[in-house]
Amino acid sequence: MAGEPIGIFQAKTRLSSLVEDVLRGKRFVITRHGRPVAELRPIEDAGPRARRGCARSARFFMADDFDAPIEDFADSV
């Protein structure tokens, strides 16, 4: 297991303190009847979030036909 095992009931009753431990880098494996079912761990940094107005940057791309009507749309409704 990749972390400290903790029963699902105990995880439910101690969630706030477990999250504090996770923020410090600790990992937990949540178990049900002794079998691992989930992992509670820090999320990986996904990088900076998009800012408002980001569509103005040079990295933004939108196809020229983005808002063109879809020919067979009526058939799928």
Protein backbone atom coordinates (compact mmCIF):
# COMPACT_ATOMS: atom_id res chain seq x y z
CA MET A 1 0.00 0.00 0.00
CA ALA A 2 1.17 3.51 -0.75
CA GLY A 3 0.07 5.04 2.54
CA GLU A 4 -1.14 4.44 6.05
CA PRO A 5 -4.25 2.24 6.03
CA ILE A 6 -7.33 3.68 7.69
CA GLY A 7 -10.83 2.21 7.91
CA ILE A 8 -13.62 3.94 6.03
CA PHE A 9 -15.61 4.70 9.20
CA GLN A 10 -12.57 6.20 10.92
CA ALA A 11 -11.75 8.20 7.77
CA LYS A 12 -15.29 9.58 7.71
CA THR A 13 -15.21 10.65 11.35
CA ARG A 14 -11.69 12.15 11.13
CA LEU A 15 -11.81 13.66 7.64
CA SER A 16 -10.85 17.20 8.67
CA SER A 17 -7.76 16.08 10.56
CA LEU A 18 -6.82 13.67 7.76
CA VAL A 19 -6.97 16.50 5.24
CA GLU A 20 -4.65 18.53 7.47
CA ASP A 21 -2.22 15.59 7.47
CA VAL A 22 -2.52 15.29 3.69
CA LEU A 23 -1.64 18.98 3.34
CA ARG A 24 1.58 18.12 5.17
CA GLY A 25 2.32 15.40 2.59
CA LYS A 26 0.97 12.30 4.31
CA ARG A 27 -0.95 9.62 2.36
CA PHE A 28 -3.72 7.31 3.51
CA VAL A 29 -5.25 4.21 2.00
CA ILE A 30 -8.92 3.96 2.91
CA THR A 31 -10.01 0.38 3.52
CA ARG A 32 -13.34 -1.40 3.77
CA HIS A 33 -13.27 -4.68 5.68
CA GLY A 34 -9.47 -4.59 5.48
CA ARG A 35 -9.35 -4.24 1.69
CA PRO A 36 -8.01 -1.04 0.07
CA VAL A 37 -10.70 0.90 -1.80
CA ALA A 38 -9.37 4.46 -2.14
CA GLU A 39 -6.35 6.64 -1.59
CA LEU A 40 -6.29 10.02 0.12
CA ARG A 41 -3.23 11.98 -0.97
CA PRO A 42 -2.11 15.45 -2.00
CA ILE A 43 -3.04 16.38 -5.55
CA GLU A 44 -0.26 17.06 -8.00
CA ASP A 45 0.19 20.66 -8.93
CA ALA A 46 -1.51 21.17 -12.27
CA GLY A 47 0.35 24.42 -12.85
CA PRO A 48 -1.02 27.92 -12.86
CA ARG A 49 -4.73 28.39 -13.39
CA ALA A 50 -5.95 30.24 -16.44
CA ARG A 51 -6.51 33.92 -15.83
CA ARG A 52 -9.34 36.04 -17.15
CA GLY A 53 -8.60 37.28 -20.63
CA CYS A 54 -6.30 34.36 -21.39
CA ALA A 55 -7.92 34.00 -24.82
CA ARG A 56 -5.99 37.10 -25.82
CA SER A 57 -2.65 35.36 -25.47
CA ALA A 58 -0.63 34.02 -28.39
CA ARG A 59 -1.03 30.44 -27.07
CA PHE A 60 -4.82 30.49 -27.44
CA PHE A 61 -6.26 28.77 -30.53
CA MET A 62 -9.81 28.59 -31.78
CA ALA A 63 -10.75 27.10 -35.14
CA ASP A 64 -12.15 29.48 -37.73
CA ASP A 65 -15.32 27.38 -38.00
CA PHE A 66 -15.88 27.18 -34.22
CA ASP A 67 -19.35 28.72 -34.39
CA ALA A 68 -20.37 27.27 -37.75
CA PRO A 69 -23.63 25.29 -37.76
CA ILE A 70 -23.30 21.54 -37.45
CA GLU A 71 -24.79 19.98 -40.55
CA ASP A 72 -26.23 16.80 -39.03
CA PHE A 73 -27.10 18.24 -35.62
CA ALA A 74 -30.87 17.85 -36.14
CA ASP A 75 -30.39 14.12 -36.73
CA SER A 76 -28.78 13.64 -33.31
CA VAL A 77 -31.48 15.40 -31.29
